[in-house]
Amino acid sequence: MLVRQIADSKLAQFAYLMMGDSAHAADMQVFHQLFDHRTEIKRQVLLLQDGVETVTESTNSEVTQLLQTHVAAMLARVKEGRPIHQRDPLFVELFKNADRIEARHELTAGGVRMVETSQDAYVVKLLQAHAEVVSAFLANGMSEMMKNHPVPPR
């Protein structure tokens, strides 16, 4: 019986590491829906001296809603310290430095405009690398999601 409890405990720990918090499944569903509609998404990225400004939109109203839902969920994760995609070194480092990120967003008719900045030069590099990776997700689909993305040098 004790062996089974230990095994169940280890399984629960593994599941938590793989799946994360209770909102993870819903977030992953949105990710997958966005990947399914990635050809309907247009993205503009402007690198700023202190961060990045992005506009991500779609003419499909359902995709627009998905984009807006995704951004709200990811902003909540950063603010609350609930990391996601933790097998990817870039995402690990981004969440480690979340307290140095200033983020603001506004909804647009087709999606979301985001401005993410930092006073820390290293975090600026992380934000800009993340913006590039998100654009690569849209360009390359799920195969890009499966890659580990390098952390920029300090």
N, C-alpha and C. Protein backbone atom coordinates (compact mmCIF):
# COMPACT_ATOMS: atom_id res chain seq x y z
N MET A 1 0.83 -1.20 0.00
CA MET A 1 0.00 0.00 0.00
C MET A 1 0.87 1.26 0.00
N LEU A 2 1.91 1.29 0.85
CA LEU A 2 2.80 2.45 0.93
C LEU A 2 3.51 2.66 -0.40
N VAL A 3 3.93 1.57 -1.06
CA VAL A 3 4.59 1.68 -2.36
C VAL A 3 3.66 2.35 -3.36
N ARG A 4 2.40 1.97 -3.33
CA ARG A 4 1.41 2.55 -4.24
C ARG A 4 1.24 4.05 -3.94
N GLN A 5 1.21 4.44 -2.66
CA GLN A 5 1.07 5.84 -2.30
C GLN A 5 2.27 6.64 -2.79
N ILE A 6 3.46 6.08 -2.63
CA ILE A 6 4.67 6.76 -3.11
C ILE A 6 4.62 6.89 -4.63
N ALA A 7 4.24 5.81 -5.30
CA ALA A 7 4.13 5.85 -6.75
C ALA A 7 3.11 6.88 -7.19
N ASP A 8 1.95 6.91 -6.51
CA ASP A 8 0.93 7.91 -6.84
C ASP A 8 1.46 9.31 -6.59
N SER A 9 2.20 9.50 -5.51
CA SER A 9 2.77 10.80 -5.19
C SER A 9 3.76 11.23 -6.26
N LYS A 10 4.63 10.32 -6.67
CA LYS A 10 5.61 10.63 -7.72
C LYS A 10 4.90 10.94 -9.04
N LEU A 11 3.86 10.19 -9.34
CA LEU A 11 3.09 10.43 -10.54
C LEU A 11 2.43 11.80 -10.49
N ALA A 12 1.89 12.16 -9.34
CA ALA A 12 1.27 13.47 -9.19
C ALA A 12 2.30 14.59 -9.36
N GLN A 13 3.50 14.39 -8.82
CA GLN A 13 4.56 15.39 -8.98
C GLN A 13 4.95 15.53 -10.45
N PHE A 14 5.10 14.38 -11.12
CA PHE A 14 5.44 14.40 -12.53
C PHE A 14 4.36 15.10 -13.34
N ALA A 15 3.11 14.77 -13.05
CA ALA A 15 1.99 15.40 -13.77
C ALA A 15 1.98 16.90 -13.56
N TYR A 16 2.27 17.34 -12.33
CA TYR A 16 2.29 18.77 -12.07
C TYR A 16 3.41 19.43 -12.87
N LEU A 17 4.59 18.80 -12.89
CA LEU A 17 5.71 19.37 -13.65
C LEU A 17 5.38 19.45 -15.13
N MET A 18 4.70 18.44 -15.63
CA MET A 18 4.36 18.43 -17.05
C MET A 18 3.18 19.32 -17.37
N MET A 19 2.19 19.35 -16.50
CA MET A 19 0.95 20.06 -16.80
C MET A 19 0.84 21.42 -16.13
N GLY A 20 1.53 21.62 -15.00
CA GLY A 20 1.47 22.91 -14.33
C GLY A 20 0.21 23.07 -13.51
N ASP A 21 -0.26 24.27 -13.40
CA ASP A 21 -1.41 24.58 -12.54
C ASP A 21 -2.73 24.21 -13.21
N SER A 22 -3.81 24.48 -12.49
CA SER A 22 -5.13 24.05 -12.96
C SER A 22 -5.58 24.75 -14.25
N ALA A 23 -5.04 25.91 -14.56
CA ALA A 23 -5.42 26.62 -15.79
C ALA A 23 -4.62 26.15 -17.01
N HIS A 24 -3.64 25.29 -16.78
CA HIS A 24 -2.75 24.87 -17.86
C HIS A 24 -3.51 24.23 -19.02
N ALA A 25 -4.43 23.36 -18.74
CA ALA A 25 -5.17 22.67 -19.81
C ALA A 25 -5.93 23.66 -20.68
N ALA A 26 -6.58 24.62 -20.06
CA ALA A 26 -7.32 25.63 -20.82
C ALA A 26 -6.36 26.47 -21.67
N ASP A 27 -5.22 26.84 -21.08
CA ASP A 27 -4.23 27.62 -21.83
C ASP A 27 -3.71 26.84 -23.02
N MET A 28 -3.45 25.54 -22.82
CA MET A 28 -2.95 24.71 -23.91
C MET A 28 -3.98 24.56 -25.02
N GLN A 29 -5.24 24.49 -24.65
CA GLN A 29 -6.29 24.41 -25.67
C GLN A 29 -6.28 25.66 -26.54
N VAL A 30 -6.12 26.82 -25.92
CA VAL A 30 -6.05 28.07 -26.69
C VAL A 30 -4.81 28.06 -27.58
N PHE A 31 -3.64 27.63 -27.03
CA PHE A 31 -2.43 27.53 -27.86
C PHE A 31 -2.69 26.71 -29.11
N HIS A 32 -3.27 25.55 -28.92
CA HIS A 32 -3.50 24.65 -30.05
C HIS A 32 -4.48 25.25 -31.06
N GLN A 33 -5.49 25.94 -30.57
CA GLN A 33 -6.42 26.60 -31.49
C GLN A 33 -5.71 27.71 -32.27
N LEU A 34 -4.85 28.45 -31.60
CA LEU A 34 -4.09 29.49 -32.30
C LEU A 34 -3.16 28.87 -33.34
N PHE A 35 -2.51 27.77 -33.00
CA PHE A 35 -1.68 27.09 -33.99
C PHE A 35 -2.50 26.62 -35.18
N ASP A 36 -3.70 26.12 -34.92
CA ASP A 36 -4.57 25.66 -36.00
C ASP A 36 -4.95 26.79 -36.95
N HIS A 37 -4.96 28.01 -36.45
CA HIS A 37 -5.38 29.17 -37.25
C HIS A 37 -4.23 30.14 -37.51
N ARG A 38 -3.01 29.67 -37.38
CA ARG A 38 -1.85 30.57 -37.44
C ARG A 38 -1.73 31.31 -38.77
N THR A 39 -2.22 30.72 -39.86
CA THR A 39 -2.14 31.40 -41.15
C THR A 39 -3.11 32.57 -41.24
N GLU A 40 -4.04 32.66 -40.30
CA GLU A 40 -5.00 33.76 -40.28
C GLU A 40 -4.55 34.89 -39.35
N ILE A 41 -3.36 34.77 -38.79
CA ILE A 41 -2.85 35.74 -37.82
C ILE A 41 -1.74 36.56 -38.45
N LYS A 42 -1.83 37.86 -38.30
CA LYS A 42 -0.79 38.80 -38.75
C LYS A 42 -0.14 39.40 -37.51
N ARG A 43 1.16 39.55 -37.57
CA ARG A 43 1.90 40.04 -36.40
C ARG A 43 2.95 41.04 -36.85
N GLN A 44 2.99 42.15 -36.14
CA GLN A 44 4.01 43.18 -36.35
C GLN A 44 4.81 43.29 -35.06
N VAL A 45 6.12 43.34 -35.20
CA VAL A 45 7.00 43.44 -34.05
C VAL A 45 7.90 44.65 -34.24
N LEU A 46 7.91 45.52 -33.25
CA LEU A 46 8.79 46.68 -33.24
C LEU A 46 9.70 46.56 -32.03
N LEU A 47 11.00 46.44 -32.30
CA LEU A 47 11.96 46.38 -31.21
C LEU A 47 12.18 47.80 -30.69
N LEU A 48 12.05 47.95 -29.39
CA LEU A 48 12.26 49.24 -28.73
C LEU A 48 13.59 49.20 -27.99
N GLN A 49 14.12 50.34 -27.67
CA GLN A 49 15.37 50.39 -26.91
C GLN A 49 15.22 49.68 -25.56
N ASP A 50 14.02 49.76 -24.99
CA ASP A 50 13.79 49.15 -23.67
C ASP A 50 12.82 47.97 -23.71
N GLY A 51 12.60 47.39 -24.90
CA GLY A 51 11.69 46.25 -24.95
C GLY A 51 11.16 45.97 -26.33
N VAL A 52 9.84 45.79 -26.40
CA VAL A 52 9.21 45.40 -27.66
C VAL A 52 7.76 45.86 -27.67
N GLU A 53 7.30 46.21 -28.85
CA GLU A 53 5.88 46.49 -29.07
C GLU A 53 5.41 45.55 -30.16
N THR A 54 4.29 44.87 -29.91
CA THR A 54 3.76 43.94 -30.90
C THR A 54 2.28 44.22 -31.13
N VAL A 55 1.86 43.99 -32.35
CA VAL A 55 0.44 44.01 -32.69
C VAL A 55 0.16 42.68 -33.36
N THR A 56 -0.74 41.92 -32.77
CA THR A 56 -1.08 40.59 -33.27
C THR A 56 -2.58 40.56 -33.50
N GLU A 57 -2.98 40.31 -34.77
CA GLU A 57 -4.39 40.44 -35.13
C GLU A 57 -4.81 39.40 -36.16
N SER A 58 -6.13 39.28 -36.29
CA SER A 58 -6.74 38.42 -37.29
C SER A 58 -8.03 39.07 -37.76
N THR A 59 -8.40 38.77 -38.98
CA THR A 59 -9.70 39.24 -39.47
C THR A 59 -10.81 38.27 -39.11
N ASN A 60 -10.45 37.10 -38.60
CA ASN A 60 -11.41 36.09 -38.15
C ASN A 60 -11.77 36.43 -36.69
N SER A 61 -13.02 36.75 -36.43
CA SER A 61 -13.43 37.19 -35.09
C SER A 61 -13.18 36.12 -34.01
N GLU A 62 -13.29 34.86 -34.38
CA GLU A 62 -13.02 33.80 -33.40
C GLU A 62 -11.54 33.77 -33.03
N VAL A 63 -10.68 33.98 -34.00
CA VAL A 63 -9.23 34.02 -33.74
C VAL A 63 -8.88 35.27 -32.94
N THR A 64 -9.54 36.38 -33.25
CA THR A 64 -9.34 37.60 -32.47
C THR A 64 -9.62 37.33 -30.99
N GLN A 65 -10.72 36.66 -30.71
CA GLN A 65 -11.08 36.33 -29.32
C GLN A 65 -10.03 35.42 -28.69
N LEU A 66 -9.54 34.46 -29.44
CA LEU A 66 -8.48 33.57 -28.94
C LEU A 66 -7.21 34.36 -28.59
N LEU A 67 -6.83 35.27 -29.47
CA LEU A 67 -5.64 36.10 -29.21
C LEU A 67 -5.81 36.90 -27.93
N GLN A 68 -6.96 37.51 -27.77
CA GLN A 68 -7.22 38.34 -26.59
C GLN A 68 -7.25 37.48 -25.32
N THR A 69 -7.83 36.30 -25.41
CA THR A 69 -7.87 35.38 -24.28
C THR A 69 -6.47 34.93 -23.92
N HIS A 70 -5.68 34.59 -24.92
CA HIS A 70 -4.31 34.13 -24.70
C HIS A 70 -3.47 35.20 -24.00
N VAL A 71 -3.52 36.41 -24.50
CA VAL A 71 -2.72 37.48 -23.90
C VAL A 71 -3.12 37.73 -22.45
N ALA A 72 -4.41 37.76 -22.18
CA ALA A 72 -4.87 37.96 -20.79
C ALA A 72 -4.36 36.83 -19.89
N ALA A 73 -4.42 35.60 -20.38
CA ALA A 73 -3.96 34.46 -19.58
C ALA A 73 -2.46 34.51 -19.34
N MET A 74 -1.69 34.89 -20.36
CA MET A 74 -0.23 34.92 -20.20
C MET A 74 0.19 36.08 -19.30
N LEU A 75 -0.49 37.21 -19.40
CA LEU A 75 -0.18 38.33 -18.50
C LEU A 75 -0.46 37.95 -17.05
N ALA A 76 -1.54 37.23 -16.83
CA ALA A 76 -1.86 36.76 -15.47
C ALA A 76 -0.78 35.81 -14.98
N ARG A 77 -0.31 34.92 -15.84
CA ARG A 77 0.74 33.98 -15.44
C ARG A 77 2.02 34.72 -15.04
N VAL A 78 2.40 35.70 -15.82
CA VAL A 78 3.61 36.47 -15.50
C VAL A 78 3.43 37.20 -14.18
N LYS A 79 2.30 37.87 -14.03
CA LYS A 79 2.04 38.65 -12.81
C LYS A 79 1.98 37.76 -11.56
N GLU A 80 1.39 36.59 -11.70
CA GLU A 80 1.17 35.70 -10.56
C GLU A 80 2.29 34.68 -10.36
N GLY A 81 3.30 34.71 -11.23
CA GLY A 81 4.40 33.77 -11.10
C GLY A 81 4.00 32.33 -11.36
N ARG A 82 3.15 32.13 -12.36
CA ARG A 82 2.72 30.78 -12.74
C ARG A 82 3.30 30.45 -14.11
N PRO A 83 4.54 29.98 -14.15
CA PRO A 83 5.21 29.78 -15.44
C PRO A 83 4.56 28.70 -16.30
N ILE A 84 4.86 28.82 -17.58
CA ILE A 84 4.39 27.84 -18.56
C ILE A 84 5.54 27.58 -19.53
N HIS A 85 5.49 26.45 -20.21
CA HIS A 85 6.47 26.06 -21.23
C HIS A 85 7.87 25.98 -20.62
N GLN A 86 7.95 25.37 -19.45
CA GLN A 86 9.18 25.37 -18.66
C GLN A 86 10.24 24.38 -19.12
N ARG A 87 10.02 23.66 -20.18
CA ARG A 87 11.08 22.83 -20.72
C ARG A 87 11.95 23.63 -21.69
N ASP A 88 11.48 24.82 -22.06
CA ASP A 88 12.20 25.69 -22.99
C ASP A 88 13.01 26.70 -22.18
N PRO A 89 14.34 26.71 -22.35
CA PRO A 89 15.19 27.60 -21.55
C PRO A 89 14.81 29.08 -21.63
N LEU A 90 14.37 29.54 -22.79
CA LEU A 90 14.00 30.95 -22.92
C LEU A 90 12.81 31.29 -22.02
N PHE A 91 11.82 30.41 -21.99
CA PHE A 91 10.64 30.65 -21.17
C PHE A 91 10.97 30.55 -19.68
N VAL A 92 11.85 29.62 -19.33
CA VAL A 92 12.29 29.51 -17.93
C VAL A 92 12.90 30.83 -17.49
N GLU A 93 13.79 31.35 -18.30
CA GLU A 93 14.51 32.59 -17.94
C GLU A 93 13.56 33.79 -17.93
N LEU A 94 12.64 33.82 -18.86
CA LEU A 94 11.67 34.92 -18.91
C LEU A 94 10.84 34.96 -17.63
N PHE A 95 10.35 33.81 -17.19
CA PHE A 95 9.55 33.77 -15.96
C PHE A 95 10.41 34.05 -14.72
N LYS A 96 11.68 33.66 -14.73
CA LYS A 96 12.57 33.98 -13.60
C LYS A 96 12.73 35.49 -13.43
N ASN A 97 12.60 36.21 -14.52
CA ASN A 97 12.80 37.66 -14.51
C ASN A 97 11.51 38.44 -14.65
N ALA A 98 10.39 37.79 -14.38
CA ALA A 98 9.08 38.42 -14.57
C ALA A 98 8.90 39.68 -13.75
N ASP A 99 9.53 39.75 -12.60
CA ASP A 99 9.38 40.93 -11.75
C ASP A 99 10.06 42.17 -12.31
N ARG A 100 10.82 42.01 -13.38
CA ARG A 100 11.50 43.15 -14.01
C ARG A 100 10.83 43.55 -15.33
N ILE A 101 9.64 43.00 -15.59
CA ILE A 101 8.93 43.28 -16.84
C ILE A 101 7.75 44.19 -16.56
N GLU A 102 7.65 45.23 -17.34
CA GLU A 102 6.47 46.11 -17.33
C GLU A 102 5.69 45.77 -18.61
N ALA A 103 4.45 45.40 -18.45
CA ALA A 103 3.65 45.03 -19.62
C ALA A 103 2.33 45.78 -19.59
N ARG A 104 1.97 46.28 -20.75
CA ARG A 104 0.64 46.88 -20.89
C ARG A 104 0.10 46.46 -22.26
N HIS A 105 -1.20 46.34 -22.29
CA HIS A 105 -1.81 45.92 -23.55
C HIS A 105 -3.11 46.67 -23.76
N GLU A 106 -3.51 46.67 -25.00
CA GLU A 106 -4.83 47.20 -25.34
C GLU A 106 -5.42 46.30 -26.41
N LEU A 107 -6.70 46.08 -26.29
CA LEU A 107 -7.40 45.29 -27.29
C LEU A 107 -7.60 46.14 -28.53
N THR A 108 -7.44 45.52 -29.68
CA THR A 108 -7.70 46.18 -30.95
C THR A 108 -8.90 45.48 -31.59
N ALA A 109 -9.38 46.03 -32.68
CA ALA A 109 -10.53 45.40 -33.36
C ALA A 109 -10.20 43.98 -33.80
N GLY A 110 -8.91 43.73 -34.11
CA GLY A 110 -8.53 42.42 -34.59
C GLY A 110 -7.70 41.58 -33.64
N GLY A 111 -7.40 42.11 -32.47
CA GLY A 111 -6.55 41.34 -31.54
C GLY A 111 -6.03 42.15 -30.39
N VAL A 112 -4.68 42.29 -30.35
CA VAL A 112 -4.04 42.89 -29.18
C VAL A 112 -2.79 43.66 -29.59
N ARG A 113 -2.62 44.80 -28.98
CA ARG A 113 -1.36 45.56 -29.06
C ARG A 113 -0.70 45.45 -27.69
N MET A 114 0.56 45.00 -27.66
CA MET A 114 1.31 44.81 -26.41
C MET A 114 2.56 45.67 -26.42
N VAL A 115 2.86 46.24 -25.26
CA VAL A 115 4.15 46.90 -25.06
C VAL A 115 4.74 46.27 -23.81
N GLU A 116 5.92 45.66 -23.98
CA GLU A 116 6.63 45.04 -22.86
C GLU A 116 7.99 45.70 -22.77
N THR A 117 8.30 46.23 -21.59
CA THR A 117 9.56 46.93 -21.41
C THR A 117 10.23 46.51 -20.10
N SER A 118 11.50 46.91 -19.99
CA SER A 118 12.23 46.67 -18.75
C SER A 118 13.35 47.70 -18.65
N GLN A 119 13.72 48.01 -17.44
CA GLN A 119 14.87 48.88 -17.18
C GLN A 119 16.16 48.06 -17.15
N ASP A 120 16.02 46.74 -17.15
CA ASP A 120 17.16 45.82 -17.09
C ASP A 120 17.52 45.40 -18.52
N ALA A 121 18.75 45.69 -18.95
CA ALA A 121 19.16 45.42 -20.33
C ALA A 121 19.06 43.93 -20.68
N TYR A 122 19.35 43.05 -19.74
CA TYR A 122 19.24 41.62 -20.00
C TYR A 122 17.78 41.22 -20.23
N VAL A 123 16.87 41.74 -19.44
CA VAL A 123 15.45 41.43 -19.59
C VAL A 123 14.93 41.97 -20.92
N VAL A 124 15.45 43.10 -21.36
CA VAL A 124 15.09 43.62 -22.69
C VAL A 124 15.45 42.58 -23.76
N LYS A 125 16.63 41.98 -23.64
CA LYS A 125 17.04 40.93 -24.59
C LYS A 125 16.07 39.74 -24.53
N LEU A 126 15.66 39.37 -23.31
CA LEU A 126 14.70 38.26 -23.17
C LEU A 126 13.38 38.59 -23.84
N LEU A 127 12.88 39.80 -23.62
CA LEU A 127 11.61 40.21 -24.22
C LEU A 127 11.70 40.18 -25.74
N GLN A 128 12.80 40.67 -26.28
CA GLN A 128 12.96 40.70 -27.73
C GLN A 128 13.11 39.30 -28.30
N ALA A 129 13.82 38.43 -27.59
CA ALA A 129 13.95 37.03 -28.03
C ALA A 129 12.59 36.34 -27.99
N HIS A 130 11.82 36.60 -26.95
CA HIS A 130 10.48 36.01 -26.85
C HIS A 130 9.60 36.47 -28.02
N ALA A 131 9.67 37.75 -28.36
CA ALA A 131 8.87 38.26 -29.49
C ALA A 131 9.25 37.53 -30.79
N GLU A 132 10.55 37.29 -30.98
CA GLU A 132 11.00 36.55 -32.16
C GLU A 132 10.46 35.13 -32.16
N VAL A 133 10.47 34.49 -30.99
CA VAL A 133 10.00 33.11 -30.89
C VAL A 133 8.50 33.03 -31.17
N VAL A 134 7.73 33.96 -30.64
CA VAL A 134 6.29 33.95 -30.91
C VAL A 134 6.04 34.11 -32.41
N SER A 135 6.78 34.98 -33.06
CA SER A 135 6.66 35.12 -34.52
C SER A 135 7.04 33.82 -35.22
N ALA A 136 8.06 33.12 -34.70
CA ALA A 136 8.46 31.83 -35.27
C ALA A 136 7.37 30.78 -35.06
N PHE A 137 6.68 30.84 -33.90
CA PHE A 137 5.55 29.92 -33.68
C PHE A 137 4.53 30.09 -34.79
N LEU A 138 4.23 31.33 -35.13
CA LEU A 138 3.23 31.59 -36.17
C LEU A 138 3.74 31.15 -37.54
N ALA A 139 5.02 31.36 -37.80
CA ALA A 139 5.58 31.00 -39.11
C ALA A 139 5.71 29.49 -39.28
N ASN A 140 6.10 28.79 -38.21
CA ASN A 140 6.48 27.39 -38.32
C ASN A 140 5.54 26.39 -37.65
N GLY A 141 4.60 26.87 -36.88
CA GLY A 141 3.64 25.98 -36.24
C GLY A 141 4.20 25.19 -35.08
N MET A 142 3.57 24.04 -34.83
CA MET A 142 3.90 23.21 -33.67
C MET A 142 5.35 22.74 -33.66
N SER A 143 5.95 22.58 -34.80
CA SER A 143 7.35 22.13 -34.81
C SER A 143 8.24 23.14 -34.09
N GLU A 144 7.88 24.40 -34.17
CA GLU A 144 8.65 25.45 -33.46
C GLU A 144 8.41 25.36 -31.96
N MET A 145 7.18 25.02 -31.59
CA MET A 145 6.84 24.92 -30.17
C MET A 145 7.65 23.81 -29.50
N MET A 146 8.01 22.79 -30.26
CA MET A 146 8.74 21.66 -29.69
C MET A 146 10.23 21.95 -29.52
N LYS A 147 10.70 23.03 -30.07
CA LYS A 147 12.12 23.37 -29.97
C LYS A 147 12.42 24.05 -28.63
N ASN A 148 13.67 23.92 -28.22
CA ASN A 148 14.18 24.71 -27.11
C ASN A 148 14.85 25.93 -27.71
N HIS A 149 14.54 27.10 -27.17
CA HIS A 149 15.05 28.34 -27.72
C HIS A 149 16.14 28.89 -26.81
N PRO A 150 17.25 29.34 -27.40
CA PRO A 150 18.39 29.77 -26.60
C PRO A 150 18.10 31.04 -25.80
N VAL A 151 18.76 31.12 -24.69
CA VAL A 151 18.70 32.31 -23.85
C VAL A 151 19.76 33.28 -24.37
N PRO A 152 19.41 34.55 -24.56
CA PRO A 152 20.42 35.49 -25.04
C PRO A 152 21.52 35.70 -23.99
N PRO A 153 22.70 36.07 -24.44
CA PRO A 153 23.78 36.32 -23.48
C PRO A 153 23.47 37.53 -22.61
N ARG A 154 24.01 37.51 -21.42
CA ARG A 154 23.82 38.66 -20.51
C ARG A 154 24.56 39.86 -20.98
